[in-house]
C-alpha atoms as a PDB file:
ATOM      1  CA  MET A   1      50.486  26.546 262.214  1.00  0.00           C
ATOM      2  CA  ARG A   2      48.174  25.762 265.128  1.00  0.00           C
ATOM      3  CA  THR A   3      48.252  22.250 266.570  1.00  0.00           C
ATOM      4  CA  LEU A   4      44.898  20.678 267.249  1.00  0.00           C
ATOM      5  CA  ASN A   5      43.896  19.873 270.800  1.00  0.00           C
ATOM      6  CA  VAL A   6      42.930  16.279 271.604  1.00  0.00           C
ATOM      7  CA  HIS A   7      39.202  16.907 271.151  1.00  0.00           C
ATOM      8  CA  ASP A   8      39.716  18.495 267.745  1.00  0.00           C
ATOM      9  CA  GLN A   9      42.119  15.720 266.678  1.00  0.00           C
ATOM     10  CA  LEU A  10      39.532  13.058 267.410  1.00  0.00           C
ATOM     11  CA  VAL A  11      36.732  15.009 265.741  1.00  0.00           C
ATOM     12  CA  SER A  12      38.924  15.603 262.700  1.00  0.00           C
ATOM     13  CA  LYS A  13      39.718  11.890 262.333  1.00  0.00           C
ATOM     14  CA  LEU A  14      36.076  10.925 262.706  1.00  0.00           C
ATOM     15  CA  VAL A  15      35.005  13.558 260.175  1.00  0.00           C
ATOM     16  CA  SER A  16      37.617  12.387 257.686  1.00  0.00           C
ATOM     17  CA  ASN A  17      36.228   8.855 258.111  1.00  0.00           C
ATOM     18  CA  ASN A  18      32.710  10.205 257.453  1.00  0.00           C
ATOM     19  CA  ARG A  19      31.431   9.184 260.909  1.00  0.00           C
ATOM     20  CA  PHE A  20      29.551  12.429 261.603  1.00  0.00           C
ATOM     21  CA  TRP A  21      27.440  12.607 258.479  1.00  0.00           C
ATOM     22  CA  SER A  22      24.404  13.764 260.498  1.00  0.00           C
ATOM     23  CA  PHE A  23      26.150  16.671 262.254  1.00  0.00           C
ATOM     24  CA  ASP A  24      26.859  20.213 261.105  1.00  0.00           C
ATOM     25  CA  MET A  25      30.637  20.049 261.058  1.00  0.00           C
ATOM     26  CA  ASN A  26      31.207  23.800 261.204  1.00  0.00           C
ATOM     27  CA  ILE A  27      31.193  23.571 264.986  1.00  0.00           C
ATOM     28  CA  SER A  28      33.192  20.657 266.399  1.00  0.00           C
ATOM     29  CA  ASN A  29      32.199  21.599 269.959  1.00  0.00           C
ATOM     30  CA  ALA A  30      28.575  20.869 269.061  1.00  0.00           C
ATOM     31  CA  ILE A  31      29.292  17.143 269.198  1.00  0.00           C
ATOM     32  CA  PRO A  32      28.183  15.803 272.583  1.00  0.00           C
ATOM     33  CA  ASP A  33      30.835  14.112 274.704  1.00  0.00           C
ATOM     34  CA  ASP A  34      29.024  10.779 274.752  1.00  0.00           C
ATOM     35  CA  ILE A  35      28.819  10.683 270.953  1.00  0.00           C
ATOM     36  CA  LEU A  36      32.513  11.535 270.602  1.00  0.00           C
ATOM     37  CA  ILE A  37      33.437   8.837 273.115  1.00  0.00           C
ATOM     38  CA  GLU A  38      31.242   6.209 271.458  1.00  0.00           C
ATOM     39  CA  LYS A  39      32.437   6.924 267.926  1.00  0.00           C
ATOM     40  CA  THR A  40      36.085   6.987 269.023  1.00  0.00           C
ATOM     41  CA  LEU A  41      35.773   3.627 270.783  1.00  0.00           C
ATOM     42  CA  VAL A  42      34.017   2.049 267.808  1.00  0.00           C
ATOM     43  CA  TYR A  43      35.751   3.573 264.795  1.00  0.00           C
ATOM     44  CA  LEU A  44      39.226   4.767 265.739  1.00  0.00           C
ATOM     45  CA  ASP A  45      42.401   2.921 266.668  1.00  0.00           C
ATOM     46  CA  ILE A  46      44.199   2.217 269.941  1.00  0.00           C
ATOM     47  CA  ASP A  47      46.280   5.405 269.803  1.00  0.00           C
ATOM     48  CA  ASP A  48      43.120   7.473 269.449  1.00  0.00           C
ATOM     49  CA  ILE A  49      41.395   5.609 272.263  1.00  0.00           C
ATOM     50  CA  ASN A  50      44.424   6.344 274.435  1.00  0.00           C
ATOM     51  CA  LEU A  51      43.974  10.036 273.610  1.00  0.00           C
ATOM     52  CA  LEU A  52      40.353   9.752 274.630  1.00  0.00           C
ATOM     53  CA  PHE A  53      41.467   8.767 278.131  1.00  0.00           C
ATOM     54  CA  LYS A  54      43.498  11.981 278.310  1.00  0.00           C
ATOM     55  CA  LEU A  55      40.433  14.000 277.396  1.00  0.00           C
ATOM     56  CA  TYR A  56      37.763  12.395 279.601  1.00  0.00           C
ATOM     57  CA  PRO A  57      37.721  10.665 282.983  1.00  0.00           C
ATOM     58  CA  HIS A  58      37.946   6.878 282.947  1.00  0.00           C
ATOM     59  CA  LYS A  59      34.557   6.628 284.693  1.00  0.00           C
ATOM     60  CA  LYS A  60      32.799   8.673 281.987  1.00  0.00           C
ATOM     61  CA  ILE A  61      34.294   6.609 279.151  1.00  0.00           C
ATOM     62  CA  LYS A  62      33.372   3.356 280.867  1.00  0.00           C
ATOM     63  CA  GLN A  63      29.804   4.545 281.403  1.00  0.00           C
ATOM     64  CA  VAL A  64      29.398   5.451 277.727  1.00  0.00           C
ATOM     65  CA  TRP A  65      30.865   2.081 276.782  1.00  0.00           C
ATOM     66  CA  LEU A  66      28.431   0.259 279.076  1.00  0.00           C
ATOM     67  CA  ASP A  67      25.407   2.296 277.965  1.00  0.00           C
ATOM     68  CA  ARG A  68      26.015   2.263 274.208  1.00  0.00           C
ATOM     69  CA  ILE A  69      28.468  -0.405 273.082  1.00  0.00           C
ATOM     70  CA  ALA A  70      28.732  -3.235 275.626  1.00  0.00           C
ATOM     71  CA  ILE A  71      24.978  -3.858 275.427  1.00  0.00           C
ATOM     72  CA  GLN A  72      25.111  -4.681 271.711  1.00  0.00           C
ATOM     73  CA  GLY A  73      26.211  -8.266 272.213  1.00  0.00           C
ATOM     74  CA  ALA A  74      27.667 -10.166 269.272  1.00  0.00           C
ATOM     75  CA  TYR A  75      27.742  -7.120 266.997  1.00  0.00           C
ATOM     76  CA  PHE A  76      30.721  -5.677 268.887  1.00  0.00           C
ATOM     77  CA  ASN A  77      31.898  -8.863 270.596  1.00  0.00           C
ATOM     78  CA  ARG A  78      35.598  -8.650 269.728  1.00  0.00           C
ATOM     79  CA  LEU A  79      35.763  -4.910 270.356  1.00  0.00           C
ATOM     80  CA  ASN A  80      33.983  -5.234 273.697  1.00  0.00           C
ATOM     81  CA  ASN A  81      36.273  -8.025 274.855  1.00  0.00           C
ATOM     82  CA  LEU A  82      39.320  -5.948 273.942  1.00  0.00           C
ATOM     83  CA  LEU A  83      38.016  -2.799 275.651  1.00  0.00           C
ATOM     84  CA  ALA A  84      36.937  -4.717 278.754  1.00  0.00           C
ATOM     85  CA  TRP A  85      40.309  -6.377 279.140  1.00  0.00           C
ATOM     86  CA  MET A  86      42.615  -3.592 278.003  1.00  0.00           C
ATOM     87  CA  TYR A  87      40.971  -0.438 279.373  1.00  0.00           C
ATOM     88  CA  PHE A  88      38.550  -1.458 282.111  1.00  0.00           C
ATOM     89  CA  ASP A  89      40.586  -4.203 283.835  1.00  0.00           C
ATOM     90  CA  ILE A  90      37.796  -6.766 283.629  1.00  0.00           C
ATOM     91  CA  LYS A  91      39.197 -10.210 284.388  1.00  0.00           C
ATOM     92  CA  ASN A  92      36.583 -12.332 282.572  1.00  0.00           C
ATOM     93  CA  PRO A  93      35.271 -10.106 279.762  1.00  0.00           C
ATOM     94  CA  ALA A  94      32.952 -12.678 278.172  1.00  0.00           C
ATOM     95  CA  ARG A  95      31.095 -13.351 281.409  1.00  0.00           C
ATOM     96  CA  TYR A  96      30.974  -9.673 282.346  1.00  0.00           C
ATOM     97  CA  LEU A  97      29.641  -8.648 278.926  1.00  0.00           C
ATOM     98  CA  LYS A  98      26.978 -11.353 278.966  1.00  0.00           C
ATOM     99  CA  LYS A  99      25.832 -10.082 282.358  1.00  0.00           C
ATOM    100  CA  VAL A 100      25.699  -6.475 281.069  1.00  0.00           C
ATOM    101  CA  GLU A 101      23.760  -7.521 277.970  1.00  0.00           C
ATOM    102  CA  ASN A 102      21.278  -9.640 279.969  1.00  0.00           C
ATOM    103  CA  LYS A 103      20.696  -6.807 282.415  1.00  0.00           C
ATOM    104  CA  HIS A 104      20.022  -4.428 279.544  1.00  0.00           C
ATOM    105  CA  LEU A 105      17.648  -6.855 277.839  1.00  0.00           C
ATOM    106  CA  SER A 106      15.716  -7.532 281.055  1.00  0.00           C
ATOM    107  CA  ILE A 107      14.892  -3.822 281.320  1.00  0.00           C
ATOM    108  CA  TYR A 108      13.076  -3.948 277.983  1.00  0.00           C
ATOM    109  CA  GLN A 109      11.101  -7.158 278.540  1.00  0.00           C
END
């Protein structure tokens, strides 16, 4: 029996949780890296997020987090505070996240 690589493990968990309903799941490599990173951070657990850091560089994961999740304010408040503190070594997550959100909102005003 073949063991799944990290990428395939994460895709498999997300598929089993019905998180890729809009993708053709015959080809797991068709899922863009940024989508896999975002969905893993939002929907999977700490062990899976730790695997994500073995698959992608820290800088890439942080950029996806900043671009897609951190900007969503209260919707992901607890998740963002946890990620900021635990994975991105941000000393004052609440202040940092407010700054990120305000910067994002100012672009669209």
